[in-house]
Amino acid sequence: MVERSQALESLTADERIALMGRLWDSLDPAAAAPVSAALAAELDGREAEADADPDAGIPWTALREELRARIR
């Protein structure tokens, strides 16, 4: 495993990014974790809710700051 790690460390950032892309593209979508009917329905419902009222949510930056304030 050390040899592989050293080989990866010798790659440039661009080469690593290209390798990640090749690895990602090699994944078989059919082998991915299956989405249950209940989860698909939940996701569809959330998407419809967001589409119906796009201004109902808050920006990620505002949420992040709110969460950070809670832990300070």
PDB file of N, CA and C in Angstrom:
ATOM      1  N   MET A   1       0.828  -1.194   0.000  1.00  0.00           N
ATOM      2  CA  MET A   1       0.000   0.000   0.000  1.00  0.00           C
ATOM      3  C   MET A   1       0.869   1.252   0.000  1.00  0.00           C
ATOM      4  N   VAL A   2       2.023   1.205   0.651  1.00  0.00           N
ATOM      5  CA  VAL A   2       2.911   2.365   0.687  1.00  0.00           C
ATOM      6  C   VAL A   2       3.381   2.721  -0.714  1.00  0.00           C
ATOM      7  N   GLU A   3       3.697   1.704  -1.521  1.00  0.00           N
ATOM      8  CA  GLU A   3       4.157   1.970  -2.885  1.00  0.00           C
ATOM      9  C   GLU A   3       3.086   2.702  -3.686  1.00  0.00           C
ATOM     10  N   ARG A   4       1.833   2.296  -3.537  1.00  0.00           N
ATOM     11  CA  ARG A   4       0.743   2.960  -4.258  1.00  0.00           C
ATOM     12  C   ARG A   4       0.601   4.398  -3.788  1.00  0.00           C
ATOM     13  N   SER A   5       0.718   4.597  -2.480  1.00  0.00           N
ATOM     14  CA  SER A   5       0.598   5.947  -1.932  1.00  0.00           C
ATOM     15  C   SER A   5       1.703   6.837  -2.476  1.00  0.00           C
ATOM     16  N   GLN A   6       2.908   6.316  -2.534  1.00  0.00           N
ATOM     17  CA  GLN A   6       4.026   7.093  -3.067  1.00  0.00           C
ATOM     18  C   GLN A   6       3.806   7.395  -4.545  1.00  0.00           C
ATOM     19  N   ALA A   7       3.251   6.440  -5.268  1.00  0.00           N
ATOM     20  CA  ALA A   7       2.982   6.661  -6.688  1.00  0.00           C
ATOM     21  C   ALA A   7       1.947   7.766  -6.856  1.00  0.00           C
ATOM     22  N   LEU A   8       0.928   7.774  -6.015  1.00  0.00           N
ATOM     23  CA  LEU A   8      -0.090   8.827  -6.092  1.00  0.00           C
ATOM     24  C   LEU A   8       0.502  10.184  -5.740  1.00  0.00           C
ATOM     25  N   GLU A   9       1.365  10.203  -4.743  1.00  0.00           N
ATOM     26  CA  GLU A   9       1.977  11.466  -4.327  1.00  0.00           C
ATOM     27  C   GLU A   9       2.878  12.046  -5.407  1.00  0.00           C
ATOM     28  N   SER A  10       3.360  11.202  -6.290  1.00  0.00           N
ATOM     29  CA  SER A  10       4.243  11.692  -7.351  1.00  0.00           C
ATOM     30  C   SER A  10       3.461  12.324  -8.506  1.00  0.00           C
ATOM     31  N   LEU A  11       2.141  12.148  -8.520  1.00  0.00           N
ATOM     32  CA  LEU A  11       1.322  12.732  -9.579  1.00  0.00           C
ATOM     33  C   LEU A  11       1.110  14.222  -9.331  1.00  0.00           C
ATOM     34  N   THR A  12       0.993  14.957 -10.409  1.00  0.00           N
ATOM     35  CA  THR A  12       0.667  16.379 -10.286  1.00  0.00           C
ATOM     36  C   THR A  12      -0.817  16.506  -9.935  1.00  0.00           C
ATOM     37  N   ALA A  13      -1.218  17.697  -9.542  1.00  0.00           N
ATOM     38  CA  ALA A  13      -2.627  17.931  -9.220  1.00  0.00           C
ATOM     39  C   ALA A  13      -3.510  17.629 -10.427  1.00  0.00           C
ATOM     40  N   ASP A  14      -3.093  18.066 -11.599  1.00  0.00           N
ATOM     41  CA  ASP A  14      -3.880  17.803 -12.810  1.00  0.00           C
ATOM     42  C   ASP A  14      -3.987  16.310 -13.095  1.00  0.00           C
ATOM     43  N   GLU A  15      -2.906  15.574 -12.874  1.00  0.00           N
ATOM     44  CA  GLU A  15      -2.929  14.128 -13.102  1.00  0.00           C
ATOM     45  C   GLU A  15      -3.855  13.439 -12.099  1.00  0.00           C
ATOM     46  N   ARG A  16      -3.843  13.901 -10.848  1.00  0.00           N
ATOM     47  CA  ARG A  16      -4.730  13.324  -9.832  1.00  0.00           C
ATOM     48  C   ARG A  16      -6.192  13.579 -10.185  1.00  0.00           C
ATOM     49  N   ILE A  17      -6.480  14.791 -10.632  1.00  0.00           N
ATOM     50  CA  ILE A  17      -7.853  15.126 -11.019  1.00  0.00           C
ATOM     51  C   ILE A  17      -8.297  14.258 -12.189  1.00  0.00           C
ATOM     52  N   ALA A  18      -7.417  14.073 -13.158  1.00  0.00           N
ATOM     53  CA  ALA A  18      -7.739  13.224 -14.308  1.00  0.00           C
ATOM     54  C   ALA A  18      -7.986  11.786 -13.850  1.00  0.00           C
ATOM     55  N   LEU A  19      -7.174  11.303 -12.919  1.00  0.00           N
ATOM     56  CA  LEU A  19      -7.343   9.950 -12.397  1.00  0.00           C
ATOM     57  C   LEU A  19      -8.680   9.818 -11.672  1.00  0.00           C
ATOM     58  N   MET A  20      -9.029  10.819 -10.875  1.00  0.00           N
ATOM     59  CA  MET A  20     -10.325  10.775 -10.188  1.00  0.00           C
ATOM     60  C   MET A  20     -11.466  10.720 -11.196  1.00  0.00           C
ATOM     61  N   GLY A  21     -11.337  11.491 -12.263  1.00  0.00           N
ATOM     62  CA  GLY A  21     -12.364  11.474 -13.301  1.00  0.00           C
ATOM     63  C   GLY A  21     -12.491  10.113 -13.945  1.00  0.00           C
ATOM     64  N   ARG A  22     -11.363   9.494 -14.222  1.00  0.00           N
ATOM     65  CA  ARG A  22     -11.398   8.163 -14.836  1.00  0.00           C
ATOM     66  C   ARG A  22     -12.013   7.143 -13.886  1.00  0.00           C
ATOM     67  N   LEU A  23     -11.663   7.244 -12.588  1.00  0.00           N
ATOM     68  CA  LEU A  23     -12.248   6.335 -11.602  1.00  0.00           C
ATOM     69  C   LEU A  23     -13.756   6.546 -11.506  1.00  0.00           C
ATOM     70  N   TRP A  24     -14.172   7.804 -11.448  1.00  0.00           N
ATOM     71  CA  TRP A  24     -15.602   8.123 -11.357  1.00  0.00           C
ATOM     72  C   TRP A  24     -16.347   7.568 -12.565  1.00  0.00           C
ATOM     73  N   ASP A  25     -15.795   7.798 -13.747  1.00  0.00           N
ATOM     74  CA  ASP A  25     -16.438   7.341 -14.976  1.00  0.00           C
ATOM     75  C   ASP A  25     -16.499   5.821 -15.066  1.00  0.00           C
ATOM     76  N   SER A  26     -15.598   5.141 -14.347  1.00  0.00           N
ATOM     77  CA  SER A  26     -15.569   3.685 -14.419  1.00  0.00           C
ATOM     78  C   SER A  26     -16.614   3.033 -13.520  1.00  0.00           C
ATOM     79  N   LEU A  27     -17.244   3.809 -12.641  1.00  0.00           N
ATOM     80  CA  LEU A  27     -18.253   3.240 -11.756  1.00  0.00           C
ATOM     81  C   LEU A  27     -19.490   2.854 -12.554  1.00  0.00           C
ATOM     82  N   ASP A  28     -20.032   1.717 -12.222  1.00  0.00           N
ATOM     83  CA  ASP A  28     -21.228   1.217 -12.895  1.00  0.00           C
ATOM     84  C   ASP A  28     -22.454   1.730 -12.146  1.00  0.00           C
ATOM     85  N   PRO A  29     -23.256   2.578 -12.768  1.00  0.00           N
ATOM     86  CA  PRO A  29     -24.436   3.102 -12.074  1.00  0.00           C
ATOM     87  C   PRO A  29     -25.374   2.001 -11.581  1.00  0.00           C
ATOM     88  N   ALA A  30     -25.407   0.884 -12.282  1.00  0.00           N
ATOM     89  CA  ALA A  30     -26.275  -0.218 -11.882  1.00  0.00           C
ATOM     90  C   ALA A  30     -25.803  -0.855 -10.579  1.00  0.00           C
ATOM     91  N   ALA A  31     -24.517  -0.691 -10.257  1.00  0.00           N
ATOM     92  CA  ALA A  31     -23.973  -1.283  -9.041  1.00  0.00           C
ATOM     93  C   ALA A  31     -24.115  -0.350  -7.843  1.00  0.00           C
ATOM     94  N   ALA A  32     -24.611   0.848  -8.064  1.00  0.00           N
ATOM     95  CA  ALA A  32     -24.787   1.802  -6.972  1.00  0.00           C
ATOM     96  C   ALA A  32     -25.878   1.297  -6.032  1.00  0.00           C
ATOM     97  N   ALA A  33     -25.866   1.834  -4.832  1.00  0.00           N
ATOM     98  CA  ALA A  33     -26.878   1.441  -3.857  1.00  0.00           C
ATOM     99  C   ALA A  33     -28.265   1.752  -4.414  1.00  0.00           C
ATOM    100  N   PRO A  34     -29.156   0.801  -4.340  1.00  0.00           N
ATOM    101  CA  PRO A  34     -30.494   1.029  -4.892  1.00  0.00           C
ATOM    102  C   PRO A  34     -31.263   2.063  -4.067  1.00  0.00           C
ATOM    103  N   VAL A  35     -32.099   2.817  -4.733  1.00  0.00           N
ATOM    104  CA  VAL A  35     -32.951   3.798  -4.071  1.00  0.00           C
ATOM    105  C   VAL A  35     -34.317   3.151  -3.894  1.00  0.00           C
ATOM    106  N   SER A  36     -34.753   3.071  -2.644  1.00  0.00           N
ATOM    107  CA  SER A  36     -36.056   2.451  -2.380  1.00  0.00           C
ATOM    108  C   SER A  36     -37.172   3.334  -2.922  1.00  0.00           C
ATOM    109  N   ALA A  37     -38.329   2.737  -3.107  1.00  0.00           N
ATOM    110  CA  ALA A  37     -39.489   3.494  -3.590  1.00  0.00           C
ATOM    111  C   ALA A  37     -39.848   4.600  -2.606  1.00  0.00           C
ATOM    112  N   ALA A  38     -39.721   4.316  -1.310  1.00  0.00           N
ATOM    113  CA  ALA A  38     -40.044   5.320  -0.292  1.00  0.00           C
ATOM    114  C   ALA A  38     -39.082   6.501  -0.368  1.00  0.00           C
ATOM    115  N   LEU A  39     -37.801   6.212  -0.542  1.00  0.00           N
ATOM    116  CA  LEU A  39     -36.819   7.295  -0.643  1.00  0.00           C
ATOM    117  C   LEU A  39     -37.034   8.098  -1.918  1.00  0.00           C
ATOM    118  N   ALA A  40     -37.303   7.420  -3.021  1.00  0.00           N
ATOM    119  CA  ALA A  40     -37.559   8.126  -4.281  1.00  0.00           C
ATOM    120  C   ALA A  40     -38.770   9.041  -4.141  1.00  0.00           C
ATOM    121  N   ALA A  41     -39.815   8.560  -3.469  1.00  0.00           N
ATOM    122  CA  ALA A  41     -41.011   9.382  -3.259  1.00  0.00           C
ATOM    123  C   ALA A  41     -40.692  10.586  -2.382  1.00  0.00           C
ATOM    124  N   GLU A  42     -39.895  10.381  -1.346  1.00  0.00           N
ATOM    125  CA  GLU A  42     -39.504  11.485  -0.462  1.00  0.00           C
ATOM    126  C   GLU A  42     -38.704  12.534  -1.226  1.00  0.00           C
ATOM    127  N   LEU A  43     -37.754  12.087  -2.017  1.00  0.00           N
ATOM    128  CA  LEU A  43     -36.940  13.022  -2.802  1.00  0.00           C
ATOM    129  C   LEU A  43     -37.787  13.771  -3.823  1.00  0.00           C
ATOM    130  N   ASP A  44     -38.704  13.066  -4.472  1.00  0.00           N
ATOM    131  CA  ASP A  44     -39.600  13.717  -5.431  1.00  0.00           C
ATOM    132  C   ASP A  44     -40.462  14.770  -4.738  1.00  0.00           C
ATOM    133  N   GLY A  45     -40.956  14.439  -3.545  1.00  0.00           N
ATOM    134  CA  GLY A  45     -41.768  15.384  -2.788  1.00  0.00           C
ATOM    135  C   GLY A  45     -40.989  16.622  -2.390  1.00  0.00           C
ATOM    136  N   ARG A  46     -39.758  16.422  -1.938  1.00  0.00           N
ATOM    137  CA  ARG A  46     -38.918  17.562  -1.555  1.00  0.00           C
ATOM    138  C   ARG A  46     -38.600  18.442  -2.760  1.00  0.00           C
ATOM    139  N   GLU A  47     -38.336  17.805  -3.891  1.00  0.00           N
ATOM    140  CA  GLU A  47     -38.049  18.574  -5.103  1.00  0.00           C
ATOM    141  C   GLU A  47     -39.268  19.391  -5.527  1.00  0.00           C
ATOM    142  N   ALA A  48     -40.443  18.779  -5.467  1.00  0.00           N
ATOM    143  CA  ALA A  48     -41.673  19.487  -5.836  1.00  0.00           C
ATOM    144  C   ALA A  48     -41.926  20.655  -4.886  1.00  0.00           C
ATOM    145  N   GLU A  49     -41.674  20.436  -3.600  1.00  0.00           N
ATOM    146  CA  GLU A  49     -41.854  21.499  -2.605  1.00  0.00           C
ATOM    147  C   GLU A  49     -40.896  22.657  -2.874  1.00  0.00           C
ATOM    148  N   ALA A  50     -39.662  22.347  -3.178  1.00  0.00           N
ATOM    149  CA  ALA A  50     -38.674  23.391  -3.470  1.00  0.00           C
ATOM    150  C   ALA A  50     -39.035  24.135  -4.752  1.00  0.00           C
ATOM    151  N   ASP A  51     -39.509  23.403  -5.752  1.00  0.00           N
ATOM    152  CA  ASP A  51     -39.905  24.040  -7.013  1.00  0.00           C
ATOM    153  C   ASP A  51     -41.123  24.945  -6.831  1.00  0.00           C
ATOM    154  N   ALA A  52     -42.044  24.541  -5.940  1.00  0.00           N
ATOM    155  CA  ALA A  52     -43.273  25.303  -5.730  1.00  0.00           C
ATOM    156  C   ALA A  52     -43.009  26.629  -5.021  1.00  0.00           C
ATOM    157  N   ASP A  53     -41.990  26.658  -4.146  1.00  0.00           N
ATOM    158  CA  ASP A  53     -41.695  27.885  -3.397  1.00  0.00           C
ATOM    159  C   ASP A  53     -40.186  28.009  -3.205  1.00  0.00           C
ATOM    160  N   PRO A  54     -39.464  28.420  -4.236  1.00  0.00           N
ATOM    161  CA  PRO A  54     -38.003  28.470  -4.160  1.00  0.00           C
ATOM    162  C   PRO A  54     -37.470  29.440  -3.107  1.00  0.00           C
ATOM    163  N   ASP A  55     -38.283  30.420  -2.701  1.00  0.00           N
ATOM    164  CA  ASP A  55     -37.819  31.396  -1.713  1.00  0.00           C
ATOM    165  C   ASP A  55     -38.043  30.936  -0.273  1.00  0.00           C
ATOM    166  N   ALA A  56     -38.590  29.745  -0.078  1.00  0.00           N
ATOM    167  CA  ALA A  56     -38.890  29.265   1.270  1.00  0.00           C
ATOM    168  C   ALA A  56     -37.625  28.901   2.045  1.00  0.00           C
ATOM    169  N   GLY A  57     -36.585  28.513   1.362  1.00  0.00           N
ATOM    170  CA  GLY A  57     -35.358  28.103   2.026  1.00  0.00           C
ATOM    171  C   GLY A  57     -34.456  29.275   2.337  1.00  0.00           C
ATOM    172  N   ILE A  58     -33.314  28.947   2.944  1.00  0.00           N
ATOM    173  CA  ILE A  58     -32.307  29.976   3.207  1.00  0.00           C
ATOM    174  C   ILE A  58     -31.016  29.562   2.518  1.00  0.00           C
ATOM    175  N   PRO A  59     -30.186  30.524   2.167  1.00  0.00           N
ATOM    176  CA  PRO A  59     -28.920  30.184   1.513  1.00  0.00           C
ATOM    177  C   PRO A  59     -28.015  29.367   2.444  1.00  0.00           C
ATOM    178  N   TRP A  60     -27.193  28.527   1.833  1.00  0.00           N
ATOM    179  CA  TRP A  60     -26.261  27.705   2.599  1.00  0.00           C
ATOM    180  C   TRP A  60     -25.384  28.566   3.494  1.00  0.00           C
ATOM    181  N   THR A  61     -24.921  29.693   3.005  1.00  0.00           N
ATOM    182  CA  THR A  61     -24.032  30.539   3.812  1.00  0.00           C
ATOM    183  C   THR A  61     -24.727  31.007   5.082  1.00  0.00           C
ATOM    184  N   ALA A  62     -26.016  31.342   4.994  1.00  0.00           N
ATOM    185  CA  ALA A  62     -26.758  31.774   6.182  1.00  0.00           C
ATOM    186  C   ALA A  62     -26.930  30.617   7.161  1.00  0.00           C
ATOM    187  N   LEU A  63     -27.238  29.440   6.659  1.00  0.00           N
ATOM    188  CA  LEU A  63     -27.384  28.272   7.522  1.00  0.00           C
ATOM    189  C   LEU A  63     -26.070  27.941   8.205  1.00  0.00           C
ATOM    190  N   ARG A  64     -24.987  27.986   7.447  1.00  0.00           N
ATOM    191  CA  ARG A  64     -23.672  27.687   8.009  1.00  0.00           C
ATOM    192  C   ARG A  64     -23.346  28.641   9.147  1.00  0.00           C
ATOM    193  N   GLU A  65     -23.589  29.921   8.942  1.00  0.00           N
ATOM    194  CA  GLU A  65     -23.309  30.902   9.994  1.00  0.00           C
ATOM    195  C   GLU A  65     -24.186  30.661  11.217  1.00  0.00           C
ATOM    196  N   GLU A  66     -25.447  30.317  10.995  1.00  0.00           N
ATOM    197  CA  GLU A  66     -26.351  30.023  12.108  1.00  0.00           C
ATOM    198  C   GLU A  66     -25.841  28.831  12.914  1.00  0.00           C
ATOM    199  N   LEU A  67     -25.410  27.790  12.230  1.00  0.00           N
ATOM    200  CA  LEU A  67     -24.887  26.606  12.914  1.00  0.00           C
ATOM    201  C   LEU A  67     -23.587  26.910  13.644  1.00  0.00           C
ATOM    202  N   ARG A  68     -22.730  27.685  13.040  1.00  0.00           N
ATOM    203  CA  ARG A  68     -21.473  28.057  13.701  1.00  0.00           C
ATOM    204  C   ARG A  68     -21.741  28.879  14.954  1.00  0.00           C
ATOM    205  N   ALA A  69     -22.738  29.753  14.892  1.00  0.00           N
ATOM    206  CA  ALA A  69     -23.075  30.574  16.055  1.00  0.00           C
ATOM    207  C   ALA A  69     -23.559  29.703  17.213  1.00  0.00           C
ATOM    208  N   ARG A  70     -24.233  28.623  16.909  1.00  0.00           N
ATOM    209  CA  ARG A  70     -24.736  27.724  17.957  1.00  0.00           C
ATOM    210  C   ARG A  70     -23.617  27.031  18.718  1.00  0.00           C
ATOM    211  N   ILE A  71     -22.506  26.764  18.049  1.00  0.00           N
ATOM    212  CA  ILE A  71     -21.432  26.017  18.717  1.00  0.00           C
ATOM    213  C   ILE A  71     -20.368  26.917  19.328  1.00  0.00           C
ATOM    214  N   ARG A  72     -20.510  28.220  19.163  1.00  0.00           N
ATOM    215  CA  ARG A  72     -19.523  29.143  19.742  1.00  0.00           C
ATOM    216  C   ARG A  72     -19.776  29.357  21.195  1.00  0.00           C
TER     217      ARG A  72
END
